[in-house]
Amino acid sequence: MNDKDIKRLSRLTAMLTQLQTKRVVTSTTLAEKFGVSVRTIYRDIKALEQAGVPILTADGKGYSLMEGYRVPPVMFTESEANALITVEQLVLKNSDRSLIKEYTEAVHKIKAVLLYSTKEKAELLSQRIAVSSVTPNTNSSDTLTFIQNALTTFTVLNITYHSEGKEETTQRDIEPFALYYNQQESWTLIAYCRLRKDYRMFRLDRMLKIEPLDLRFTPHKLTLKEFLDSKEKNFKNP
């Protein structure tokens, strides 16, 4: 097998990973990522299809894998494993317990598929990284992963919220829009508040109660960048 064949095999494997991790990917995106022409991507897609990979083509949108199709776990390189171990130490300092639990379990699964030599080095690295608590936050939450699910399924949430400063507690129906993290404070949910009829920011550690409603909302057209730009100009507390 010559260098050209090796490069193509490596690209085909990487393309398969891209297809599995993304809902839809375009030929232009793949071409830019791998530094080849769109025509080459067309040939690669055809090669994957001939190899039995069920690739769906959506006209004008791109490619995706048939629902339910999965490829075997991909081996992580030493550098990729090190990056994940480093991020793990940051997550462990996070103020939301649910995120710590889910990420820790995910990293355990990743470590299970590492090569033995890489696993040893990853374990050593995890013992040699420390994150300083420069601005410790005594408040914590346990709802981040729950809210993430509501955000991606467009589910309306009913919350009981305590506003600091105003010292008031209100009950509201909100439409989760985005999550924002300020290391000096905590996780914050950006949501459309049906009570105030506007977007507001809600700190997770001030949510006294939260429950999903049997209601769905239309996805927001506003982008996160647009909201943050607006926030800088005119910040509003919930």
Protein backbone atom coordinates (compact mmCIF):
# COMPACT_ATOMS: atom_id res chain seq x y z
CA MET A 1 0.00 0.00 0.00
CA ASN A 2 1.57 3.29 -1.12
CA ASP A 3 1.39 6.66 0.64
CA LYS A 4 -1.52 7.80 -1.55
CA ASP A 5 -3.59 4.75 -0.59
CA ILE A 6 -2.75 5.21 3.09
CA LYS A 7 -3.81 8.87 2.99
CA ARG A 8 -7.08 7.97 1.30
CA LEU A 9 -7.84 5.19 3.78
CA SER A 10 -7.14 7.61 6.64
CA ARG A 11 -9.42 10.21 5.04
CA LEU A 12 -12.23 7.68 4.50
CA THR A 13 -12.02 6.65 8.16
CA ALA A 14 -12.09 10.29 9.28
CA MET A 15 -15.04 11.00 6.97
CA LEU A 16 -16.95 8.11 8.50
CA THR A 17 -16.33 9.59 11.94
CA GLN A 18 -17.58 12.97 10.75
CA LEU A 19 -20.74 11.39 9.36
CA GLN A 20 -21.37 9.58 12.63
CA THR A 21 -20.84 12.61 14.87
CA LYS A 22 -22.80 15.14 12.79
CA ARG A 23 -26.40 15.04 11.71
CA VAL A 24 -25.72 16.34 8.19
CA VAL A 25 -22.40 17.25 6.61
CA THR A 26 -21.89 18.89 3.21
CA SER A 27 -19.36 17.95 0.54
CA THR A 28 -17.92 21.48 0.73
CA THR A 29 -17.34 21.16 4.47
CA LEU A 30 -15.62 17.79 4.01
CA ALA A 31 -13.48 19.13 1.16
CA GLU A 32 -12.30 22.09 3.25
CA LYS A 33 -11.62 19.89 6.29
CA PHE A 34 -9.48 17.36 4.41
CA GLY A 35 -7.90 19.76 1.91
CA VAL A 36 -9.21 18.02 -1.21
CA SER A 37 -11.59 18.91 -4.01
CA VAL A 38 -15.35 18.43 -3.85
CA ARG A 39 -15.00 15.95 -6.74
CA THR A 40 -12.66 13.86 -4.57
CA ILE A 41 -15.25 13.87 -1.80
CA TYR A 42 -17.85 12.60 -4.26
CA ARG A 43 -15.55 9.67 -5.11
CA ASP A 44 -14.90 8.99 -1.42
CA ILE A 45 -18.61 8.94 -0.61
CA LYS A 46 -19.16 6.49 -3.46
CA ALA A 47 -16.35 4.29 -2.12
CA LEU A 48 -17.94 4.23 1.35
CA GLU A 49 -21.30 3.33 -0.17
CA GLN A 50 -19.71 0.49 -2.16
CA ALA A 51 -18.17 -0.74 1.10
CA GLY A 52 -21.67 -1.09 2.56
CA VAL A 53 -21.93 2.14 4.56
CA PRO A 54 -25.60 3.34 4.38
CA ILE A 55 -25.11 7.00 3.47
CA LEU A 56 -28.20 9.10 2.81
CA THR A 57 -28.01 12.04 0.42
CA ALA A 58 -30.27 15.06 0.93
CA ASP A 59 -30.37 17.29 -2.13
CA GLY A 60 -28.97 20.71 -1.34
CA LYS A 61 -28.17 19.76 2.26
CA GLY A 62 -25.47 17.09 2.35
CA TYR A 63 -24.85 13.60 3.63
CA SER A 64 -25.88 11.68 6.74
CA LEU A 65 -25.76 8.11 8.03
CA MET A 66 -28.88 5.96 8.13
CA GLU A 67 -30.52 6.12 11.55
CA GLY A 68 -29.23 3.36 13.82
CA TYR A 69 -26.02 2.67 11.90
CA ARG A 70 -22.90 2.72 14.07
CA VAL A 71 -19.25 2.00 13.45
CA PRO A 72 -16.98 0.34 16.04
CA PRO A 73 -15.30 2.63 18.61
CA VAL A 74 -12.46 4.72 17.19
CA MET A 75 -9.08 4.52 18.91
CA PHE A 76 -7.93 7.80 20.45
CA THR A 77 -4.44 9.12 19.85
CA GLU A 78 -2.25 9.97 22.82
CA SER A 79 -2.75 13.72 22.23
CA GLU A 80 -6.54 13.32 22.00
CA ALA A 81 -6.60 11.30 25.23
CA ASN A 82 -4.45 13.93 26.96
CA ALA A 83 -6.84 16.69 25.86
CA LEU A 84 -9.82 14.81 27.33
CA ILE A 85 -7.98 14.13 30.60
CA THR A 86 -7.07 17.81 30.91
CA VAL A 87 -10.66 18.93 30.34
CA GLU A 88 -11.80 16.38 32.93
CA GLN A 89 -9.90 18.25 35.63
CA LEU A 90 -11.68 21.48 34.67
CA VAL A 91 -15.07 19.76 34.71
CA LEU A 92 -14.42 18.39 38.21
CA LYS A 93 -14.23 22.01 39.41
CA ASN A 94 -17.59 22.75 37.84
CA SER A 95 -20.50 23.94 39.97
CA ASP A 96 -23.05 21.52 38.52
CA ARG A 97 -23.02 17.98 39.93
CA SER A 98 -24.97 16.45 37.04
CA LEU A 99 -22.33 17.57 34.51
CA ILE A 100 -19.53 16.13 36.67
CA LYS A 101 -21.33 12.77 36.90
CA GLU A 102 -22.07 12.45 33.17
CA TYR A 103 -18.63 13.63 32.03
CA THR A 104 -16.83 11.33 34.48
CA GLU A 105 -18.79 8.32 33.22
CA ALA A 106 -18.04 9.31 29.61
CA VAL A 107 -14.30 9.60 30.32
CA HIS A 108 -14.33 6.15 31.98
CA LYS A 109 -15.76 4.68 28.76
CA ILE A 110 -13.12 6.51 26.72
CA LYS A 111 -10.31 5.22 28.95
CA ALA A 112 -11.63 1.68 28.49
CA VAL A 113 -10.85 1.73 24.74
CA LEU A 114 -7.39 3.30 25.00
CA LEU A 115 -4.33 1.27 24.10
CA TYR A 116 -2.50 0.02 27.20
CA SER A 117 0.51 2.31 26.76
CA THR A 118 -1.70 5.35 26.16
CA LYS A 119 -3.89 4.39 29.12
CA GLU A 120 -0.86 4.39 31.43
CA LYS A 121 0.23 7.83 30.24
CA ALA A 122 -3.32 9.22 30.54
CA GLU A 123 -3.54 7.94 34.10
CA LEU A 124 -0.20 9.57 34.96
CA LEU A 125 -1.31 12.86 33.41
CA SER A 126 -4.58 12.85 35.38
CA GLN A 127 -2.51 12.67 38.58
CA ARG A 128 -0.29 15.58 37.51
CA ILE A 129 -2.92 18.22 36.69
CA ALA A 130 -4.41 20.57 39.28
CA VAL A 131 -6.90 23.39 38.79
CA SER A 132 -6.75 26.31 41.19
CA SER A 133 -10.01 27.51 42.73
CA VAL A 134 -9.21 31.20 42.38
CA THR A 135 -12.83 32.22 42.78
CA PRO A 136 -14.55 29.40 44.68
CA ASN A 137 -18.30 29.23 44.31
CA THR A 138 -20.09 27.67 47.27
CA ASN A 139 -23.40 27.52 45.39
CA SER A 140 -24.06 24.47 43.25
CA SER A 141 -26.74 23.01 41.01
CA ASP A 142 -27.76 19.54 39.83
CA THR A 143 -29.90 20.32 36.81
CA LEU A 144 -27.55 21.10 33.91
CA THR A 145 -27.96 17.83 32.02
CA PHE A 146 -31.73 17.94 32.61
CA ILE A 147 -31.87 21.47 31.12
CA GLN A 148 -29.64 20.44 28.21
CA ASN A 149 -32.24 17.84 27.27
CA ALA A 150 -35.08 20.37 27.50
CA LEU A 151 -33.10 22.79 25.34
CA THR A 152 -32.53 20.25 22.56
CA THR A 153 -36.12 18.93 22.62
CA PHE A 154 -37.68 22.42 22.76
CA THR A 155 -39.57 21.66 25.97
CA VAL A 156 -41.13 24.43 28.05
CA LEU A 157 -39.98 24.42 31.67
CA ASN A 158 -41.77 25.67 34.75
CA ILE A 159 -39.35 27.05 37.33
CA THR A 160 -39.52 28.59 40.77
CA TYR A 161 -36.79 31.22 40.72
CA HIS A 162 -35.19 33.31 43.45
CA SER A 163 -33.92 36.67 42.18
CA GLU A 164 -30.90 37.95 44.09
CA GLY A 165 -31.02 41.63 44.99
CA LYS A 166 -34.77 41.85 44.60
CA GLU A 167 -35.12 39.05 47.16
CA GLU A 168 -38.25 37.77 45.48
CA THR A 169 -39.37 34.34 44.35
CA THR A 170 -41.43 33.93 41.20
CA GLN A 171 -42.87 31.04 39.23
CA ARG A 172 -42.34 31.17 35.48
CA ASP A 173 -42.74 29.20 32.27
CA ILE A 174 -39.59 29.52 30.21
CA GLU A 175 -38.30 28.37 26.81
CA PRO A 176 -34.64 27.24 27.10
CA PHE A 177 -32.47 28.95 24.50
CA ALA A 178 -28.78 28.63 25.42
CA LEU A 179 -26.36 27.96 28.27
CA TYR A 180 -23.73 30.42 29.45
CA TYR A 181 -20.93 29.85 31.94
CA ASN A 182 -19.19 32.52 33.96
CA GLN A 183 -16.36 30.92 35.93
CA GLN A 184 -16.69 33.53 38.66
CA GLU A 185 -20.34 32.65 39.14
CA SER A 186 -22.02 29.52 37.79
CA TRP A 187 -24.00 28.05 34.92
CA THR A 188 -26.69 30.35 33.59
CA LEU A 189 -29.64 29.47 31.39
CA ILE A 190 -30.64 31.97 28.73
CA ALA A 191 -34.36 31.51 28.10
CA TYR A 192 -37.43 33.26 26.79
CA CYS A 193 -39.54 34.09 29.84
CA ARG A 194 -43.26 33.89 29.14
CA LEU A 195 -43.93 35.94 32.27
CA ARG A 196 -41.71 38.88 31.24
CA LYS A 197 -42.23 38.25 27.50
CA ASP A 198 -38.54 38.67 26.81
CA TYR A 199 -35.23 36.82 27.04
CA ARG A 200 -33.73 36.57 30.50
CA MET A 201 -30.72 34.93 32.18
CA PHE A 202 -31.39 32.49 35.03
CA ARG A 203 -28.64 31.13 37.27
CA LEU A 204 -29.10 27.41 37.80
CA ASP A 205 -28.18 27.61 41.48
CA ARG A 206 -31.10 30.00 42.07
CA MET A 207 -33.70 27.67 40.59
CA LEU A 208 -35.54 26.36 43.64
CA LYS A 209 -37.70 24.01 41.61
CA ILE A 210 -37.80 22.96 37.97
CA GLU A 211 -40.11 20.65 36.04
CA PRO A 212 -40.88 20.02 32.36
CA LEU A 213 -44.32 20.83 30.97
CA ASP A 214 -46.11 18.84 28.31
CA LEU A 215 -45.56 21.75 25.95
CA ARG A 216 -43.21 22.29 23.02
CA PHE A 217 -42.13 25.64 21.61
CA THR A 218 -40.96 26.75 18.17
CA PRO A 219 -37.15 26.92 17.91
CA HIS A 220 -35.84 30.44 18.39
CA LYS A 221 -34.58 32.31 15.33
CA LEU A 222 -32.30 34.47 17.46
CA THR A 223 -28.67 33.32 17.49
CA LEU A 224 -26.55 33.12 20.63
CA LYS A 225 -24.12 35.68 19.20
CA GLU A 226 -26.96 38.13 18.58
CA PHE A 227 -28.17 37.71 22.16
CA LEU A 228 -24.70 38.19 23.68
CA ASP A 229 -24.08 41.26 21.53
CA SER A 230 -27.39 42.70 22.70
CA LYS A 231 -26.60 41.78 26.31
CA GLU A 232 -23.44 43.87 26.24
CA LYS A 233 -25.45 46.90 25.19
CA ASN A 234 -28.40 46.45 27.48
CA PHE A 235 -28.05 43.92 30.28
CA LYS A 236 -31.28 42.89 31.99
CA ASN A 237 -31.64 40.88 35.19
CA PRO A 238 -34.50 38.37 35.50
